[in-house]
Each structure stands twice: as structure tokens, then as C-alpha cells.
């Protein structure tokens, strides 16, 4: 699994935080975790930062990583900004 290049787990009803261990997969190029129930901080690493915003879309409780465009719905985004916490 250390040489995993693509991770597609969209629409699997996954919940909880994204495991920090995924940041150690240096070969990981493509990630799709969209449309789950993920929450908390998106790990700050090259593998996650280089992804398209749609890779994390549909998880309104994710925060932390600055993507090219917001992945949050307008209401959820304003709630996060006003509370400023994950």
C-alpha cells in the first residue's frame, strides 16, 4: 500500500476524520473522498493540497486546507468562518 497512486472512496458514507497516516503515502497522486460524512481537518501535506476541490466536496464538516475554491456550501462555510474551529 506504500505505492498507492489513487484512492477513490467517494459516496461510501465514511464518517469521522481523515487519517493522518494517508499523508505518508508519498506516491498518492489522485484522491476522491467526496460525498461522505467526513469531518475535522484535511491533513496538510502535498498529497492533499494538490487535489481538485471536488475531491473533498459534499463533506460539509471538513475544514483546514485552502483549496482553489471553497468546497463548502455557502451556509456551512459562513458557519465555519464565524466559529473558526473544526
N, C-alpha and C. Protein backbone atom coordinates (compact mmCIF):
# COMPACT_ATOMS: atom_id res chain seq x y z
N UNK A 1 0.82 -1.19 0.00
CA UNK A 1 0.00 0.00 0.00
C UNK A 1 0.87 1.27 0.00
N UNK A 2 2.13 1.14 0.25
CA UNK A 2 3.00 2.31 0.28
C UNK A 2 3.12 2.98 -1.08
N UNK A 3 2.88 2.24 -2.17
CA UNK A 3 2.99 2.80 -3.51
C UNK A 3 1.62 3.08 -4.13
N UNK A 4 0.60 3.22 -3.32
CA UNK A 4 -0.75 3.53 -3.78
C UNK A 4 -0.75 4.86 -4.51
N UNK A 5 -1.28 4.87 -5.75
CA UNK A 5 -1.29 6.10 -6.55
C UNK A 5 -2.66 6.77 -6.58
N UNK A 6 -3.72 5.99 -6.41
CA UNK A 6 -5.07 6.54 -6.50
C UNK A 6 -5.93 5.97 -5.37
N UNK A 7 -6.67 6.86 -4.71
CA UNK A 7 -7.57 6.45 -3.63
C UNK A 7 -8.94 7.04 -3.90
N UNK A 8 -9.89 6.18 -4.25
CA UNK A 8 -11.25 6.62 -4.53
C UNK A 8 -12.23 5.99 -3.55
N UNK A 9 -12.73 6.79 -2.64
CA UNK A 9 -13.67 6.31 -1.63
C UNK A 9 -14.91 7.19 -1.56
N UNK A 10 -15.28 7.78 -2.68
CA UNK A 10 -16.44 8.68 -2.69
C UNK A 10 -17.73 7.89 -2.52
N UNK A 11 -18.73 8.57 -1.94
CA UNK A 11 -20.08 8.02 -1.76
C UNK A 11 -20.09 6.68 -1.02
N UNK A 12 -19.33 6.60 0.06
CA UNK A 12 -19.28 5.39 0.87
C UNK A 12 -19.79 5.60 2.29
N UNK A 13 -20.38 6.75 2.56
CA UNK A 13 -20.90 7.09 3.88
C UNK A 13 -19.82 7.01 4.97
N UNK A 14 -18.58 7.33 4.59
CA UNK A 14 -17.49 7.35 5.56
C UNK A 14 -17.70 8.53 6.50
N UNK A 15 -17.39 8.34 7.77
CA UNK A 15 -17.54 9.42 8.74
C UNK A 15 -16.28 9.51 9.59
N UNK A 16 -16.16 10.62 10.29
CA UNK A 16 -15.00 10.84 11.14
C UNK A 16 -13.93 11.63 10.43
N UNK A 17 -12.74 11.61 10.99
CA UNK A 17 -11.62 12.39 10.47
C UNK A 17 -10.87 11.61 9.40
N UNK A 18 -10.21 12.35 8.51
CA UNK A 18 -9.33 11.73 7.52
C UNK A 18 -8.06 11.31 8.26
N UNK A 19 -7.66 10.04 8.15
CA UNK A 19 -6.47 9.58 8.88
C UNK A 19 -5.19 10.32 8.46
N UNK A 20 -4.44 10.80 9.41
CA UNK A 20 -3.17 11.48 9.14
C UNK A 20 -2.18 10.54 8.45
N UNK A 21 -2.34 9.25 8.64
CA UNK A 21 -1.43 8.27 8.03
C UNK A 21 -1.43 8.33 6.51
N UNK A 22 -2.52 8.82 5.93
CA UNK A 22 -2.57 8.95 4.47
C UNK A 22 -1.53 9.93 3.96
N UNK A 23 -1.09 10.84 4.79
CA UNK A 23 -0.07 11.83 4.41
C UNK A 23 1.28 11.17 4.16
N UNK A 24 1.47 9.95 4.66
CA UNK A 24 2.74 9.25 4.46
C UNK A 24 2.81 8.51 3.14
N UNK A 25 1.71 8.46 2.40
CA UNK A 25 1.70 7.76 1.11
C UNK A 25 2.26 8.69 0.04
N UNK A 26 3.55 8.67 -0.12
CA UNK A 26 4.23 9.64 -0.99
C UNK A 26 3.92 9.46 -2.47
N UNK A 27 3.45 8.29 -2.89
CA UNK A 27 3.13 8.07 -4.30
C UNK A 27 1.69 8.48 -4.64
N UNK A 28 0.90 8.80 -3.64
CA UNK A 28 -0.51 9.12 -3.84
C UNK A 28 -0.68 10.38 -4.69
N UNK A 29 -1.32 10.23 -5.85
CA UNK A 29 -1.49 11.34 -6.79
C UNK A 29 -2.94 11.79 -6.91
N UNK A 30 -3.88 10.87 -6.79
CA UNK A 30 -5.28 11.18 -7.02
C UNK A 30 -6.12 10.71 -5.83
N UNK A 31 -6.88 11.63 -5.26
CA UNK A 31 -7.72 11.33 -4.10
C UNK A 31 -9.14 11.78 -4.40
N UNK A 32 -10.11 10.92 -4.11
CA UNK A 32 -11.51 11.32 -4.21
C UNK A 32 -12.24 10.83 -2.97
N UNK A 33 -12.51 11.74 -2.06
CA UNK A 33 -13.22 11.44 -0.82
C UNK A 33 -14.55 12.17 -0.77
N UNK A 34 -15.05 12.54 -1.91
CA UNK A 34 -16.25 13.37 -1.98
C UNK A 34 -17.50 12.62 -1.54
N UNK A 35 -18.48 13.40 -1.12
CA UNK A 35 -19.83 12.92 -0.78
C UNK A 35 -19.83 11.82 0.27
N UNK A 36 -19.15 12.09 1.36
CA UNK A 36 -19.18 11.23 2.53
C UNK A 36 -19.65 12.08 3.71
N UNK A 37 -19.34 11.67 4.91
CA UNK A 37 -19.70 12.42 6.11
C UNK A 37 -18.44 12.71 6.92
N UNK A 38 -17.37 13.06 6.22
CA UNK A 38 -16.09 13.31 6.87
C UNK A 38 -16.11 14.65 7.59
N UNK A 39 -15.32 14.74 8.65
CA UNK A 39 -15.28 15.97 9.46
C UNK A 39 -13.85 16.23 9.91
N UNK A 40 -13.65 17.42 10.47
CA UNK A 40 -12.35 17.78 11.01
C UNK A 40 -11.43 18.37 9.97
N UNK A 41 -10.15 18.38 10.29
CA UNK A 41 -9.14 18.99 9.44
C UNK A 41 -8.74 18.07 8.29
N UNK A 42 -8.57 18.66 7.12
CA UNK A 42 -7.97 17.95 6.00
C UNK A 42 -6.47 17.98 6.25
N UNK A 43 -5.79 16.82 6.24
CA UNK A 43 -4.35 16.80 6.51
C UNK A 43 -3.59 17.76 5.59
N UNK A 44 -2.63 18.46 6.16
CA UNK A 44 -1.83 19.41 5.40
C UNK A 44 -0.58 18.71 4.90
N UNK A 45 -0.64 18.28 3.65
CA UNK A 45 0.50 17.64 3.02
C UNK A 45 0.36 17.80 1.51
N UNK A 46 1.41 17.50 0.80
CA UNK A 46 1.42 17.67 -0.65
C UNK A 46 0.32 16.86 -1.33
N UNK A 47 0.08 15.64 -0.85
CA UNK A 47 -0.90 14.77 -1.48
C UNK A 47 -2.31 15.37 -1.44
N UNK A 48 -2.66 16.03 -0.38
CA UNK A 48 -4.00 16.60 -0.25
C UNK A 48 -4.08 18.00 -0.86
N UNK A 49 -3.05 18.78 -0.69
CA UNK A 49 -3.05 20.16 -1.18
C UNK A 49 -3.11 20.28 -2.69
N UNK A 50 -2.64 19.27 -3.40
CA UNK A 50 -2.64 19.32 -4.85
C UNK A 50 -3.91 18.81 -5.50
N UNK A 51 -4.91 18.48 -4.70
CA UNK A 51 -6.14 17.91 -5.24
C UNK A 51 -7.13 18.98 -5.66
N UNK A 52 -8.00 18.60 -6.57
CA UNK A 52 -9.09 19.45 -7.01
C UNK A 52 -10.09 19.60 -5.86
N UNK A 53 -10.76 20.73 -5.78
CA UNK A 53 -11.74 20.95 -4.70
C UNK A 53 -12.83 19.91 -4.69
N UNK A 54 -13.16 19.35 -5.84
CA UNK A 54 -14.23 18.35 -5.91
C UNK A 54 -13.84 17.04 -5.23
N UNK A 55 -12.56 16.84 -4.96
CA UNK A 55 -12.10 15.63 -4.28
C UNK A 55 -12.62 15.52 -2.86
N UNK A 56 -13.00 16.67 -2.27
CA UNK A 56 -13.49 16.69 -0.89
C UNK A 56 -14.91 17.25 -0.79
N UNK A 57 -15.53 17.57 -1.91
CA UNK A 57 -16.86 18.15 -1.93
C UNK A 57 -17.90 17.23 -1.31
N UNK A 58 -18.95 17.81 -0.77
CA UNK A 58 -20.02 17.02 -0.18
C UNK A 58 -19.74 16.58 1.25
N UNK A 59 -18.66 17.04 1.83
CA UNK A 59 -18.32 16.78 3.23
C UNK A 59 -18.34 18.13 3.95
N UNK A 60 -19.52 18.58 4.34
CA UNK A 60 -19.64 19.96 4.82
C UNK A 60 -18.97 20.22 6.16
N UNK A 61 -18.47 19.18 6.83
CA UNK A 61 -17.81 19.39 8.12
C UNK A 61 -16.29 19.36 8.03
N UNK A 62 -15.74 19.31 6.81
CA UNK A 62 -14.29 19.36 6.65
C UNK A 62 -13.81 20.80 6.69
N UNK A 63 -12.61 21.01 7.19
CA UNK A 63 -12.04 22.35 7.21
C UNK A 63 -10.52 22.26 7.22
N UNK A 64 -9.88 23.41 7.08
CA UNK A 64 -8.45 23.50 7.26
C UNK A 64 -7.62 23.73 6.03
N UNK A 65 -7.82 22.95 4.99
CA UNK A 65 -6.98 23.05 3.81
C UNK A 65 -7.54 24.09 2.86
N UNK A 66 -6.68 25.00 2.42
CA UNK A 66 -7.12 26.01 1.47
C UNK A 66 -7.01 25.43 0.07
N UNK A 67 -8.15 25.26 -0.57
CA UNK A 67 -8.20 24.77 -1.94
C UNK A 67 -8.45 25.95 -2.85
N UNK A 68 -8.37 25.70 -4.15
CA UNK A 68 -8.54 26.79 -5.12
C UNK A 68 -9.87 27.50 -4.93
N UNK A 69 -10.93 26.76 -4.67
CA UNK A 69 -12.25 27.32 -4.39
C UNK A 69 -12.80 26.61 -3.18
N UNK A 70 -13.76 27.21 -2.52
CA UNK A 70 -14.35 26.60 -1.34
C UNK A 70 -15.05 25.31 -1.70
N UNK A 71 -14.90 24.29 -0.84
CA UNK A 71 -15.59 23.02 -1.04
C UNK A 71 -16.88 22.98 -0.24
N UNK A 72 -17.13 24.02 0.54
CA UNK A 72 -18.28 24.03 1.42
C UNK A 72 -19.45 24.77 0.79
N UNK A 73 -20.64 24.36 1.18
CA UNK A 73 -21.82 25.13 0.79
C UNK A 73 -21.76 26.47 1.49
N UNK A 74 -22.39 27.49 0.92
CA UNK A 74 -22.30 28.85 1.46
C UNK A 74 -22.64 28.92 2.95
N UNK A 75 -23.73 28.30 3.35
CA UNK A 75 -24.15 28.37 4.75
C UNK A 75 -23.13 27.69 5.66
N UNK A 76 -22.68 26.51 5.27
CA UNK A 76 -21.70 25.80 6.09
C UNK A 76 -20.40 26.57 6.18
N UNK A 77 -20.00 27.19 5.08
CA UNK A 77 -18.76 27.96 5.08
C UNK A 77 -18.86 29.15 6.03
N UNK A 78 -19.97 29.86 5.99
CA UNK A 78 -20.10 31.02 6.87
C UNK A 78 -20.16 30.58 8.33
N UNK A 79 -20.75 29.43 8.62
CA UNK A 79 -20.76 28.92 9.99
C UNK A 79 -19.35 28.61 10.45
N UNK A 80 -18.55 27.99 9.59
CA UNK A 80 -17.18 27.67 9.95
C UNK A 80 -16.36 28.93 10.17
N UNK A 81 -16.55 29.90 9.32
CA UNK A 81 -15.78 31.13 9.45
C UNK A 81 -16.13 31.87 10.73
N UNK A 82 -17.40 31.87 11.08
CA UNK A 82 -17.81 32.61 12.28
C UNK A 82 -17.36 31.89 13.55
N UNK A 83 -17.32 30.57 13.53
CA UNK A 83 -16.88 29.82 14.71
C UNK A 83 -15.37 29.63 14.72
N UNK A 84 -14.77 29.61 13.52
CA UNK A 84 -13.32 29.48 13.35
C UNK A 84 -12.76 28.27 14.09
N UNK A 85 -13.44 27.15 13.99
CA UNK A 85 -12.92 25.93 14.60
C UNK A 85 -13.41 24.73 13.80
N UNK A 86 -12.76 23.61 14.03
CA UNK A 86 -13.15 22.35 13.38
C UNK A 86 -13.78 21.44 14.42
